[in-house]
């Protein structure tokens, strides 16, 4: 299935951010935008090649890890630095297109509030407050269970992601999982880049697909026990 020129413009190029740091290739968003039709055709050929071959070029799966000093505590301590991962800009364009195609195939429950456009923490607080007031007015007990998923985001097994995508009916030809196979990260310092290492668990930091993949995972896991309000709120 080939992508049209319109989908490249509407879904990917408009979401590309300018003035961002580069990865190993040195390619920035401004370069592809300045080429206009030539850059658009190049991205179109790249995405169609990924779909046709079912894999992503190794160069586009590389990332760079930068350590940024937080400005406090001892500079000699590792905990005083924040890790920021840089991805190839061309990879982000392909991910945006895959994200658009995946969202057309899946059906997310209305009780999902994480990574959902138009929903936020204020909405969940409002719903919880309403439930508290109604249960208190009727003299009934209300129980809440809070689950911190912050660390889970970085520890999800890749095979679990593949299982969740298949359960929700995401087509295999999208080659999403190939982004994680053989992917390597190098650490950049003021002197040079190291030889790189493989990360085999967790979502890809900075990836446009990571929030959607985590949303798919939670959707697949929660389908077995969802019964609607007041027993369900994510």
Protein backbone atom coordinates (compact mmCIF):
# COMPACT_ATOMS: atom_id res chain seq x y z
CA UNK A 1 0.00 0.00 0.00
CA UNK A 2 1.64 3.26 -1.12
CA UNK A 3 1.21 6.59 0.61
CA UNK A 4 -0.04 9.66 -1.26
CA UNK A 5 1.75 12.98 -1.41
CA UNK A 6 -1.12 14.55 0.51
CA UNK A 7 -0.71 12.22 3.47
CA UNK A 8 2.98 13.10 3.66
CA UNK A 9 2.19 16.80 3.90
CA UNK A 10 -0.90 16.57 6.12
CA UNK A 11 0.27 14.00 8.63
CA UNK A 12 4.04 14.21 8.80
CA UNK A 13 5.58 17.41 7.50
CA UNK A 14 3.24 19.78 9.32
CA UNK A 15 4.16 18.14 12.63
CA UNK A 16 7.92 18.36 12.13
CA UNK A 17 9.46 20.83 14.58
CA UNK A 18 12.17 23.26 13.56
CA UNK A 19 15.38 24.21 15.37
CA UNK A 20 15.92 20.74 16.82
CA UNK A 21 19.25 19.02 17.44
CA UNK A 22 20.44 16.46 14.92
CA UNK A 23 21.34 12.80 15.27
CA UNK A 24 24.28 11.01 13.64
CA UNK A 25 23.40 11.93 10.05
CA UNK A 26 23.24 15.69 10.70
CA UNK A 27 19.94 15.96 8.79
CA UNK A 28 17.57 18.58 10.21
CA UNK A 29 13.95 19.43 9.51
CA UNK A 30 14.82 22.68 7.76
CA UNK A 31 16.79 20.78 5.11
CA UNK A 32 13.87 18.61 3.98
CA UNK A 33 11.46 21.52 4.10
CA UNK A 34 13.78 23.71 2.01
CA UNK A 35 13.93 21.12 -0.77
CA UNK A 36 10.11 21.24 -1.11
CA UNK A 37 8.98 18.71 -3.77
CA UNK A 38 12.34 16.92 -3.87
CA UNK A 39 12.35 16.36 -0.11
CA UNK A 40 8.72 15.30 -0.17
CA UNK A 41 9.38 12.72 -2.87
CA UNK A 42 12.41 11.42 -0.98
CA UNK A 43 10.35 10.90 2.18
CA UNK A 44 7.57 9.32 0.14
CA UNK A 45 10.01 6.82 -1.43
CA UNK A 46 11.50 6.10 1.98
CA UNK A 47 8.14 5.30 3.58
CA UNK A 48 7.00 3.16 0.66
CA UNK A 49 10.31 1.27 0.78
CA UNK A 50 9.84 0.59 4.50
CA UNK A 51 6.33 -0.75 3.91
CA UNK A 52 7.41 -2.85 0.91
CA UNK A 53 10.44 -4.44 2.57
CA UNK A 54 8.92 -4.66 6.04
CA UNK A 55 11.97 -3.16 7.74
CA UNK A 56 13.64 0.15 8.45
CA UNK A 57 17.22 1.00 7.39
CA UNK A 58 19.73 0.54 10.19
CA UNK A 59 20.87 4.15 9.87
CA UNK A 60 17.39 5.40 10.76
CA UNK A 61 17.22 3.25 13.90
CA UNK A 62 20.28 4.84 15.50
CA UNK A 63 19.93 7.41 18.28
CA UNK A 64 22.19 9.65 20.34
CA UNK A 65 22.01 10.04 24.11
CA UNK A 66 22.97 13.41 25.57
CA UNK A 67 23.61 14.01 29.25
CA UNK A 68 22.48 17.48 30.32
CA UNK A 69 23.50 18.85 33.70
CA UNK A 70 20.49 19.77 35.85
CA UNK A 71 22.30 22.75 37.35
CA UNK A 72 22.29 21.49 40.92
CA UNK A 73 23.98 18.90 43.11
CA UNK A 74 27.45 17.48 42.49
CA UNK A 75 28.50 17.55 38.80
CA UNK A 76 30.56 14.40 39.42
CA UNK A 77 27.44 12.37 40.30
CA UNK A 78 25.52 10.59 37.50
CA UNK A 79 22.20 11.48 39.12
CA UNK A 80 22.90 15.16 38.52
CA UNK A 81 22.35 14.74 34.78
CA UNK A 82 19.22 14.34 32.66
CA UNK A 83 19.39 11.98 29.68
CA UNK A 84 17.93 13.25 26.38
CA UNK A 85 17.70 10.97 23.35
CA UNK A 86 18.01 12.34 19.81
CA UNK A 87 16.41 10.48 16.91
CA UNK A 88 16.81 10.88 13.17
CA UNK A 89 14.37 13.47 11.78
CA UNK A 90 13.52 11.21 8.83
CA UNK A 91 12.59 8.46 11.31
CA UNK A 92 10.17 10.81 13.07
CA UNK A 93 8.46 11.57 9.76
CA UNK A 94 7.94 7.85 9.09
CA UNK A 95 6.68 7.37 12.64
CA UNK A 96 4.11 10.14 12.20
CA UNK A 97 2.79 8.41 9.10
CA UNK A 98 2.63 5.04 10.86
CA UNK A 99 0.85 6.70 13.79
CA UNK A 100 -1.80 8.12 11.44
CA UNK A 101 -2.39 4.71 9.84
CA UNK A 102 -2.55 2.88 13.18
CA UNK A 103 -5.08 5.31 14.68
CA UNK A 104 -7.36 4.56 11.73
CA UNK A 105 -7.29 0.85 12.60
CA UNK A 106 -7.73 0.78 16.37
CA UNK A 107 -10.62 1.62 18.67
CA UNK A 108 -9.64 3.09 22.05
CA UNK A 109 -12.08 2.97 24.97
CA UNK A 110 -13.44 6.32 26.19
CA UNK A 111 -12.07 5.61 29.66
CA UNK A 112 -8.51 5.99 28.40
CA UNK A 113 -7.20 9.42 29.38
CA UNK A 114 -3.45 8.99 28.90
CA UNK A 115 -1.99 10.30 25.62
CA UNK A 116 -5.48 11.17 24.34
CA UNK A 117 -6.03 14.49 22.56
CA UNK A 118 -8.59 16.66 24.32
CA UNK A 119 -8.28 14.80 27.64
CA UNK A 120 -6.07 15.65 30.56
CA UNK A 121 -5.55 15.43 34.29
CA UNK A 122 -8.17 18.10 34.97
CA UNK A 123 -10.85 15.92 33.35
CA UNK A 124 -10.04 12.89 35.48
CA UNK A 125 -9.94 14.98 38.67
CA UNK A 126 -13.36 16.42 37.81
CA UNK A 127 -14.83 12.94 37.24
CA UNK A 128 -13.32 11.59 40.46
CA UNK A 129 -14.64 14.59 42.42
CA UNK A 130 -18.15 14.06 41.03
CA UNK A 131 -18.08 10.37 41.94
CA UNK A 132 -16.95 11.22 45.48
CA UNK A 133 -19.78 13.70 45.97
CA UNK A 134 -22.46 11.34 44.62
CA UNK A 135 -21.31 8.36 46.69
CA UNK A 136 -21.01 10.53 49.81
CA UNK A 137 -24.54 11.91 49.30
CA UNK A 138 -25.93 8.36 49.17
CA UNK A 139 -23.83 7.17 52.11
CA UNK A 140 -21.99 4.58 50.02
CA UNK A 141 -18.33 3.62 50.16
CA UNK A 142 -16.08 4.44 47.24
CA UNK A 143 -12.69 2.79 46.71
CA UNK A 144 -9.87 4.04 44.49
CA UNK A 145 -6.81 2.20 43.28
CA UNK A 146 -3.90 4.32 42.03
CA UNK A 147 -1.29 2.67 39.82
CA UNK A 148 1.93 4.51 38.96
CA UNK A 149 2.87 3.63 35.36
CA UNK A 150 5.83 6.00 35.07
CA UNK A 151 8.47 3.29 35.44
CA UNK A 152 6.41 0.81 33.41
CA UNK A 153 6.76 3.00 30.32
CA UNK A 154 10.50 2.29 30.20
CA UNK A 155 10.28 -1.41 31.09
CA UNK A 156 7.71 -2.83 28.69
CA UNK A 157 8.97 -5.95 26.91
CA UNK A 158 9.04 -5.67 23.12
CA UNK A 159 7.16 -8.95 22.65
CA UNK A 160 4.34 -7.60 24.82
CA UNK A 161 4.07 -4.61 22.47
CA UNK A 162 3.85 -6.97 19.49
CA UNK A 163 1.14 -9.01 21.25
CA UNK A 164 -0.92 -5.89 22.04
CA UNK A 165 -0.73 -4.67 18.44
CA UNK A 166 -1.89 -8.02 17.10
CA UNK A 167 -4.74 -8.16 19.60
CA UNK A 168 -6.03 -4.77 18.47
CA UNK A 169 -5.73 -5.77 14.81
CA UNK A 170 -2.83 -3.54 13.75
CA UNK A 171 -1.61 -4.73 10.35
CA UNK A 172 1.76 -6.45 10.32
CA UNK A 173 2.95 -4.64 7.18
CA UNK A 174 3.37 -1.43 9.12
CA UNK A 175 6.76 -2.77 10.24
CA UNK A 176 6.54 -0.86 13.51
CA UNK A 177 8.44 -3.46 15.50
CA UNK A 178 11.36 -3.32 13.09
CA UNK A 179 12.19 0.06 14.63
CA UNK A 180 13.29 -1.76 17.77
CA UNK A 181 15.12 -4.70 16.19
CA UNK A 182 18.84 -3.97 16.12
CA UNK A 183 18.39 -0.39 17.27
CA UNK A 184 21.46 1.10 18.93
CA UNK A 185 22.12 4.18 21.03
CA UNK A 186 25.43 6.01 21.33
CA UNK A 187 26.36 8.37 24.15
CA UNK A 188 27.70 11.74 22.96
CA UNK A 189 30.27 13.56 25.06
CA UNK A 190 32.38 16.67 24.51
CA UNK A 191 35.14 14.43 23.17
CA UNK A 192 33.43 11.83 20.94
CA UNK A 193 30.62 9.27 20.60
CA UNK A 194 31.00 5.83 22.13
CA UNK A 195 30.60 2.60 20.14
CA UNK A 196 26.93 2.27 21.03
CA UNK A 197 24.77 -0.22 22.90
CA UNK A 198 21.43 -1.94 22.34
CA UNK A 199 18.31 -1.18 24.41
CA UNK A 200 16.02 -4.22 24.44
CA UNK A 201 13.21 -3.09 26.77
CA UNK A 202 10.96 -0.07 27.14
CA UNK A 203 9.58 2.49 24.74
CA UNK A 204 11.81 4.62 22.53
CA UNK A 205 12.28 7.98 24.23
CA UNK A 206 11.38 10.86 21.94
CA UNK A 207 9.60 8.63 19.44
CA UNK A 208 6.30 9.82 18.02
CA UNK A 209 5.01 6.25 18.22
CA UNK A 210 5.89 5.51 21.86
CA UNK A 211 2.81 7.19 23.46
CA UNK A 212 0.50 5.43 20.99
CA UNK A 213 2.16 2.04 21.53
CA UNK A 214 1.79 2.41 25.30
CA UNK A 215 -1.84 3.39 24.81
CA UNK A 216 -2.37 0.26 22.67
CA UNK A 217 -0.75 -1.86 25.37
CA UNK A 218 -3.03 -0.51 28.11
CA UNK A 219 -6.06 -0.96 25.84
CA UNK A 220 -5.21 -4.61 25.14
CA UNK A 221 -4.54 -5.39 28.80
CA UNK A 222 -7.65 -3.66 30.17
CA UNK A 223 -10.17 -5.21 27.76
CA UNK A 224 -10.35 -8.33 29.92
CA UNK A 225 -11.70 -6.58 33.02
CA UNK A 226 -13.44 -3.38 31.87
CA UNK A 227 -17.05 -2.99 33.01
CA UNK A 228 -17.51 0.83 32.75
CA UNK A 229 -18.02 3.37 35.52
CA UNK A 230 -17.71 3.39 38.46
CA UNK A 231 -15.43 0.37 38.15
CA UNK A 232 -13.20 1.76 35.47
CA UNK A 233 -11.17 4.92 34.94
CA UNK A 234 -7.71 5.08 33.41
